[in-house]
């Protein structure tokens, strides 16, 4: 999986990755698609929280960090 992830992140064609890791190009393409799907579905987990109203503790923390 690590080599597939490296290949995907560096735009290495599946046909070049496949023989190195002992898979077919089709299998590597499936892994690449799976990586894309997992990134799309988990994207909201990496976004900041949406708040209904301002929370003073958070604003104060931002000011302390940013300066």
PDB file of N, CA and C in Angstrom:
ATOM      1  N   UNK A   1       0.823  -1.194   0.000  1.00  0.00           N
ATOM      2  CA  UNK A   1       0.000   0.000   0.000  1.00  0.00           C
ATOM      3  C   UNK A   1       0.870   1.262   0.000  1.00  0.00           C
ATOM      4  N   UNK A   2       1.961   1.247   0.758  1.00  0.00           N
ATOM      5  CA  UNK A   2       2.826   2.433   0.819  1.00  0.00           C
ATOM      6  C   UNK A   2       3.401   2.779  -0.552  1.00  0.00           C
ATOM      7  N   UNK A   3       3.795   1.773  -1.304  1.00  0.00           N
ATOM      8  CA  UNK A   3       4.350   2.042  -2.637  1.00  0.00           C
ATOM      9  C   UNK A   3       3.276   2.553  -3.590  1.00  0.00           C
ATOM     10  N   UNK A   4       2.067   2.033  -3.447  1.00  0.00           N
ATOM     11  CA  UNK A   4       0.957   2.543  -4.266  1.00  0.00           C
ATOM     12  C   UNK A   4       0.654   3.991  -3.899  1.00  0.00           C
ATOM     13  N   UNK A   5       0.654   4.298  -2.623  1.00  0.00           N
ATOM     14  CA  UNK A   5       0.398   5.662  -2.181  1.00  0.00           C
ATOM     15  C   UNK A   5       1.488   6.601  -2.691  1.00  0.00           C
ATOM     16  N   UNK A   6       2.736   6.168  -2.606  1.00  0.00           N
ATOM     17  CA  UNK A   6       3.835   6.967  -3.137  1.00  0.00           C
ATOM     18  C   UNK A   6       3.640   7.194  -4.640  1.00  0.00           C
ATOM     19  N   UNK A   7       3.334   6.120  -5.367  1.00  0.00           N
ATOM     20  CA  UNK A   7       3.131   6.238  -6.803  1.00  0.00           C
ATOM     21  C   UNK A   7       1.994   7.186  -7.139  1.00  0.00           C
ATOM     22  N   UNK A   8       0.908   7.064  -6.411  1.00  0.00           N
ATOM     23  CA  UNK A   8      -0.250   7.934  -6.649  1.00  0.00           C
ATOM     24  C   UNK A   8       0.107   9.385  -6.362  1.00  0.00           C
ATOM     25  N   UNK A   9       0.760   9.649  -5.225  1.00  0.00           N
ATOM     26  CA  UNK A   9       1.115  11.013  -4.839  1.00  0.00           C
ATOM     27  C   UNK A   9       2.115  11.655  -5.786  1.00  0.00           C
ATOM     28  N   UNK A  10       2.909  10.845  -6.466  1.00  0.00           N
ATOM     29  CA  UNK A  10       3.930  11.373  -7.373  1.00  0.00           C
ATOM     30  C   UNK A  10       3.580  11.142  -8.847  1.00  0.00           C
ATOM     31  N   UNK A  11       2.314  10.831  -9.108  1.00  0.00           N
ATOM     32  CA  UNK A  11       1.801  10.662 -10.481  1.00  0.00           C
ATOM     33  C   UNK A  11       2.569   9.623 -11.286  1.00  0.00           C
ATOM     34  N   UNK A  12       2.977   8.554 -10.616  1.00  0.00           N
ATOM     35  CA  UNK A  12       3.641   7.450 -11.315  1.00  0.00           C
ATOM     36  C   UNK A  12       2.539   6.581 -11.925  1.00  0.00           C
ATOM     37  N   UNK A  13       2.604   6.303 -13.228  1.00  0.00           N
ATOM     38  CA  UNK A  13       1.575   5.476 -13.858  1.00  0.00           C
ATOM     39  C   UNK A  13       1.473   4.095 -13.201  1.00  0.00           C
ATOM     40  N   UNK A  14       0.264   3.597 -13.138  1.00  0.00           N
ATOM     41  CA  UNK A  14       0.010   2.285 -12.533  1.00  0.00           C
ATOM     42  C   UNK A  14       0.828   1.194 -13.213  1.00  0.00           C
ATOM     43  N   UNK A  15       1.040   1.321 -14.511  1.00  0.00           N
ATOM     44  CA  UNK A  15       1.805   0.319 -15.257  1.00  0.00           C
ATOM     45  C   UNK A  15       3.266   0.252 -14.801  1.00  0.00           C
ATOM     46  N   UNK A  16       3.790   1.347 -14.263  1.00  0.00           N
ATOM     47  CA  UNK A  16       5.168   1.341 -13.759  1.00  0.00           C
ATOM     48  C   UNK A  16       5.238   0.804 -12.327  1.00  0.00           C
ATOM     49  N   UNK A  17       4.218   1.069 -11.544  1.00  0.00           N
ATOM     50  CA  UNK A  17       4.189   0.620 -10.147  1.00  0.00           C
ATOM     51  C   UNK A  17       3.910  -0.879 -10.066  1.00  0.00           C
ATOM     52  N   UNK A  18       3.029  -1.368 -10.916  1.00  0.00           N
ATOM     53  CA  UNK A  18       2.547  -2.751 -10.854  1.00  0.00           C
ATOM     54  C   UNK A  18       3.656  -3.805 -10.799  1.00  0.00           C
ATOM     55  N   UNK A  19       4.612  -3.813 -11.730  1.00  0.00           N
ATOM     56  CA  UNK A  19       5.620  -4.880 -11.672  1.00  0.00           C
ATOM     57  C   UNK A  19       6.526  -4.802 -10.444  1.00  0.00           C
ATOM     58  N   UNK A  20       6.709  -3.628  -9.905  1.00  0.00           N
ATOM     59  CA  UNK A  20       7.564  -3.450  -8.736  1.00  0.00           C
ATOM     60  C   UNK A  20       6.946  -4.102  -7.503  1.00  0.00           C
ATOM     61  N   UNK A  21       5.618  -4.036  -7.408  1.00  0.00           N
ATOM     62  CA  UNK A  21       4.956  -4.570  -6.214  1.00  0.00           C
ATOM     63  C   UNK A  21       4.236  -5.891  -6.453  1.00  0.00           C
ATOM     64  N   UNK A  22       4.330  -6.409  -7.662  1.00  0.00           N
ATOM     65  CA  UNK A  22       3.757  -7.726  -7.945  1.00  0.00           C
ATOM     66  C   UNK A  22       2.253  -7.736  -8.152  1.00  0.00           C
ATOM     67  N   UNK A  23       1.712  -6.629  -8.655  1.00  0.00           N
ATOM     68  CA  UNK A  23       0.286  -6.555  -8.981  1.00  0.00           C
ATOM     69  C   UNK A  23       0.127  -6.252 -10.461  1.00  0.00           C
ATOM     70  N   UNK A  24      -1.087  -6.398 -10.953  1.00  0.00           N
ATOM     71  CA  UNK A  24      -1.364  -6.016 -12.338  1.00  0.00           C
ATOM     72  C   UNK A  24      -1.636  -4.508 -12.370  1.00  0.00           C
ATOM     73  N   UNK A  25      -1.463  -3.881 -13.532  1.00  0.00           N
ATOM     74  CA  UNK A  25      -1.791  -2.451 -13.635  1.00  0.00           C
ATOM     75  C   UNK A  25      -3.247  -2.159 -13.251  1.00  0.00           C
ATOM     76  N   UNK A  26      -4.146  -3.087 -13.562  1.00  0.00           N
ATOM     77  CA  UNK A  26      -5.557  -2.903 -13.218  1.00  0.00           C
ATOM     78  C   UNK A  26      -5.744  -2.876 -11.699  1.00  0.00           C
ATOM     79  N   UNK A  27      -5.014  -3.735 -11.000  1.00  0.00           N
ATOM     80  CA  UNK A  27      -5.111  -3.761  -9.540  1.00  0.00           C
ATOM     81  C   UNK A  27      -4.573  -2.459  -8.940  1.00  0.00           C
ATOM     82  N   UNK A  28      -3.498  -1.964  -9.493  1.00  0.00           N
ATOM     83  CA  UNK A  28      -2.928  -0.698  -9.001  1.00  0.00           C
ATOM     84  C   UNK A  28      -3.896   0.448  -9.291  1.00  0.00           C
ATOM     85  N   UNK A  29      -4.523   0.441 -10.445  1.00  0.00           N
ATOM     86  CA  UNK A  29      -5.529   1.468 -10.766  1.00  0.00           C
ATOM     87  C   UNK A  29      -6.658   1.434  -9.740  1.00  0.00           C
ATOM     88  N   UNK A  30      -7.071   0.227  -9.343  1.00  0.00           N
ATOM     89  CA  UNK A  30      -8.110   0.095  -8.319  1.00  0.00           C
ATOM     90  C   UNK A  30      -7.648   0.697  -6.994  1.00  0.00           C
ATOM     91  N   UNK A  31      -6.396   0.457  -6.652  1.00  0.00           N
ATOM     92  CA  UNK A  31      -5.854   1.036  -5.421  1.00  0.00           C
ATOM     93  C   UNK A  31      -5.833   2.557  -5.535  1.00  0.00           C
ATOM     94  N   UNK A  32      -5.422   3.090  -6.682  1.00  0.00           N
ATOM     95  CA  UNK A  32      -5.404   4.535  -6.891  1.00  0.00           C
ATOM     96  C   UNK A  32      -6.808   5.119  -6.720  1.00  0.00           C
ATOM     97  N   UNK A  33      -7.808   4.461  -7.308  1.00  0.00           N
ATOM     98  CA  UNK A  33      -9.192   4.930  -7.174  1.00  0.00           C
ATOM     99  C   UNK A  33      -9.633   4.877  -5.717  1.00  0.00           C
ATOM    100  N   UNK A  34      -9.245   3.824  -5.018  1.00  0.00           N
ATOM    101  CA  UNK A  34      -9.603   3.677  -3.613  1.00  0.00           C
ATOM    102  C   UNK A  34      -8.994   4.811  -2.777  1.00  0.00           C
ATOM    103  N   UNK A  35      -7.771   5.171  -3.082  1.00  0.00           N
ATOM    104  CA  UNK A  35      -7.122   6.292  -2.389  1.00  0.00           C
ATOM    105  C   UNK A  35      -7.916   7.574  -2.613  1.00  0.00           C
ATOM    106  N   UNK A  36      -8.316   7.818  -3.871  1.00  0.00           N
ATOM    107  CA  UNK A  36      -9.103   9.018  -4.188  1.00  0.00           C
ATOM    108  C   UNK A  36     -10.426   9.037  -3.437  1.00  0.00           C
ATOM    109  N   UNK A  37     -11.107   7.901  -3.399  1.00  0.00           N
ATOM    110  CA  UNK A  37     -12.401   7.821  -2.714  1.00  0.00           C
ATOM    111  C   UNK A  37     -12.228   8.087  -1.219  1.00  0.00           C
ATOM    112  N   UNK A  38     -11.227   7.491  -0.623  1.00  0.00           N
ATOM    113  CA  UNK A  38     -11.001   7.699   0.811  1.00  0.00           C
ATOM    114  C   UNK A  38     -10.652   9.145   1.121  1.00  0.00           C
ATOM    115  N   UNK A  39      -9.911   9.788   0.256  1.00  0.00           N
ATOM    116  CA  UNK A  39      -9.581  11.200   0.473  1.00  0.00           C
ATOM    117  C   UNK A  39     -10.829  12.069   0.350  1.00  0.00           C
ATOM    118  N   UNK A  40     -11.670  11.772  -0.643  1.00  0.00           N
ATOM    119  CA  UNK A  40     -12.902  12.553  -0.805  1.00  0.00           C
ATOM    120  C   UNK A  40     -13.839  12.378   0.384  1.00  0.00           C
ATOM    121  N   UNK A  41     -13.990  11.142   0.846  1.00  0.00           N
ATOM    122  CA  UNK A  41     -14.956  10.889   1.919  1.00  0.00           C
ATOM    123  C   UNK A  41     -14.478  11.368   3.279  1.00  0.00           C
ATOM    124  N   UNK A  42     -13.172  11.495   3.474  1.00  0.00           N
ATOM    125  CA  UNK A  42     -12.681  11.951   4.776  1.00  0.00           C
ATOM    126  C   UNK A  42     -12.324  13.431   4.789  1.00  0.00           C
ATOM    127  N   UNK A  43     -12.468  14.110   3.671  1.00  0.00           N
ATOM    128  CA  UNK A  43     -12.137  15.535   3.617  1.00  0.00           C
ATOM    129  C   UNK A  43     -12.845  16.347   4.700  1.00  0.00           C
ATOM    130  N   UNK A  44     -14.141  16.145   4.950  1.00  0.00           N
ATOM    131  CA  UNK A  44     -14.808  16.937   5.990  1.00  0.00           C
ATOM    132  C   UNK A  44     -14.174  16.790   7.378  1.00  0.00           C
ATOM    133  N   UNK A  45     -13.525  15.684   7.635  1.00  0.00           N
ATOM    134  CA  UNK A  45     -12.891  15.477   8.936  1.00  0.00           C
ATOM    135  C   UNK A  45     -11.693  16.393   9.148  1.00  0.00           C
ATOM    136  N   UNK A  46     -11.141  16.924   8.061  1.00  0.00           N
ATOM    137  CA  UNK A  46      -9.967  17.786   8.140  1.00  0.00           C
ATOM    138  C   UNK A  46     -10.312  19.269   8.104  1.00  0.00           C
ATOM    139  N   UNK A  47     -11.592  19.581   7.933  1.00  0.00           N
ATOM    140  CA  UNK A  47     -12.026  20.974   7.884  1.00  0.00           C
ATOM    141  C   UNK A  47     -12.291  21.492   9.290  1.00  0.00           C
ATOM    142  N   UNK A  48     -12.187  22.806   9.484  1.00  0.00           N
ATOM    143  CA  UNK A  48     -12.490  23.351  10.803  1.00  0.00           C
ATOM    144  C   UNK A  48     -13.980  23.207  11.121  1.00  0.00           C
ATOM    145  N   UNK A  49     -14.284  23.205  12.387  1.00  0.00           N
ATOM    146  CA  UNK A  49     -15.676  23.066  12.822  1.00  0.00           C
ATOM    147  C   UNK A  49     -16.490  24.288  12.412  1.00  0.00           C
ATOM    148  N   UNK A  50     -17.763  24.058  12.113  1.00  0.00           N
ATOM    149  CA  UNK A  50     -18.695  25.145  11.839  1.00  0.00           C
ATOM    150  C   UNK A  50     -19.478  25.404  13.108  1.00  0.00           C
ATOM    151  N   UNK A  51     -19.415  26.618  13.596  1.00  0.00           N
ATOM    152  CA  UNK A  51     -20.071  26.963  14.845  1.00  0.00           C
ATOM    153  C   UNK A  51     -21.303  27.820  14.578  1.00  0.00           C
ATOM    154  N   UNK A  52     -22.313  27.656  15.410  1.00  0.00           N
ATOM    155  CA  UNK A  52     -23.538  28.441  15.279  1.00  0.00           C
ATOM    156  C   UNK A  52     -23.274  29.885  15.679  1.00  0.00           C
ATOM    157  N   UNK A  53     -22.456  30.068  16.709  1.00  0.00           N
ATOM    158  CA  UNK A  53     -22.089  31.425  17.123  1.00  0.00           C
ATOM    159  C   UNK A  53     -20.638  31.419  17.579  1.00  0.00           C
ATOM    160  N   UNK A  54     -20.087  32.606  17.727  1.00  0.00           N
ATOM    161  CA  UNK A  54     -18.699  32.736  18.134  1.00  0.00           C
ATOM    162  C   UNK A  54     -18.504  32.176  19.545  1.00  0.00           C
ATOM    163  N   UNK A  55     -17.426  31.459  19.744  1.00  0.00           N
ATOM    164  CA  UNK A  55     -17.066  30.923  21.056  1.00  0.00           C
ATOM    165  C   UNK A  55     -15.823  31.682  21.511  1.00  0.00           C
ATOM    166  N   UNK A  56     -15.964  32.410  22.603  1.00  0.00           N
ATOM    167  CA  UNK A  56     -14.890  33.298  23.040  1.00  0.00           C
ATOM    168  C   UNK A  56     -13.585  32.558  23.314  1.00  0.00           C
ATOM    169  N   UNK A  57     -13.670  31.353  23.863  1.00  0.00           N
ATOM    170  CA  UNK A  57     -12.456  30.597  24.159  1.00  0.00           C
ATOM    171  C   UNK A  57     -11.649  30.309  22.896  1.00  0.00           C
ATOM    172  N   UNK A  58     -12.354  30.002  21.822  1.00  0.00           N
ATOM    173  CA  UNK A  58     -11.675  29.720  20.560  1.00  0.00           C
ATOM    174  C   UNK A  58     -11.057  30.986  19.992  1.00  0.00           C
ATOM    175  N   UNK A  59     -11.795  32.096  20.053  1.00  0.00           N
ATOM    176  CA  UNK A  59     -11.266  33.365  19.558  1.00  0.00           C
ATOM    177  C   UNK A  59     -10.018  33.765  20.325  1.00  0.00           C
ATOM    178  N   UNK A  60     -10.047  33.568  21.637  1.00  0.00           N
ATOM    179  CA  UNK A  60      -8.884  33.904  22.467  1.00  0.00           C
ATOM    180  C   UNK A  60      -7.700  33.029  22.139  1.00  0.00           C
ATOM    181  N   UNK A  61      -7.952  31.745  21.876  1.00  0.00           N
ATOM    182  CA  UNK A  61      -6.863  30.832  21.517  1.00  0.00           C
ATOM    183  C   UNK A  61      -6.242  31.246  20.191  1.00  0.00           C
ATOM    184  N   UNK A  62      -7.067  31.614  19.221  1.00  0.00           N
ATOM    185  CA  UNK A  62      -6.554  32.058  17.919  1.00  0.00           C
ATOM    186  C   UNK A  62      -5.668  33.295  18.083  1.00  0.00           C
ATOM    187  N   UNK A  63      -6.141  34.251  18.901  1.00  0.00           N
ATOM    188  CA  UNK A  63      -5.364  35.478  19.115  1.00  0.00           C
ATOM    189  C   UNK A  63      -4.019  35.159  19.760  1.00  0.00           C
ATOM    190  N   UNK A  64      -4.016  34.233  20.702  1.00  0.00           N
ATOM    191  CA  UNK A  64      -2.779  33.868  21.401  1.00  0.00           C
ATOM    192  C   UNK A  64      -1.802  33.189  20.458  1.00  0.00           C
ATOM    193  N   UNK A  65      -2.317  32.370  19.541  1.00  0.00           N
ATOM    194  CA  UNK A  65      -1.453  31.632  18.609  1.00  0.00           C
ATOM    195  C   UNK A  65      -0.938  32.557  17.515  1.00  0.00           C
ATOM    196  N   UNK A  66      -1.845  33.358  16.961  1.00  0.00           N
ATOM    197  CA  UNK A  66      -1.476  34.229  15.834  1.00  0.00           C
ATOM    198  C   UNK A  66      -0.673  35.435  16.323  1.00  0.00           C
ATOM    199  N   UNK A  67      -1.025  35.930  17.487  1.00  0.00           N
ATOM    200  CA  UNK A  67      -0.242  37.037  18.063  1.00  0.00           C
ATOM    201  C   UNK A  67      -0.907  38.332  18.071  1.00  0.00           C
TER     202      UNK A  67
END
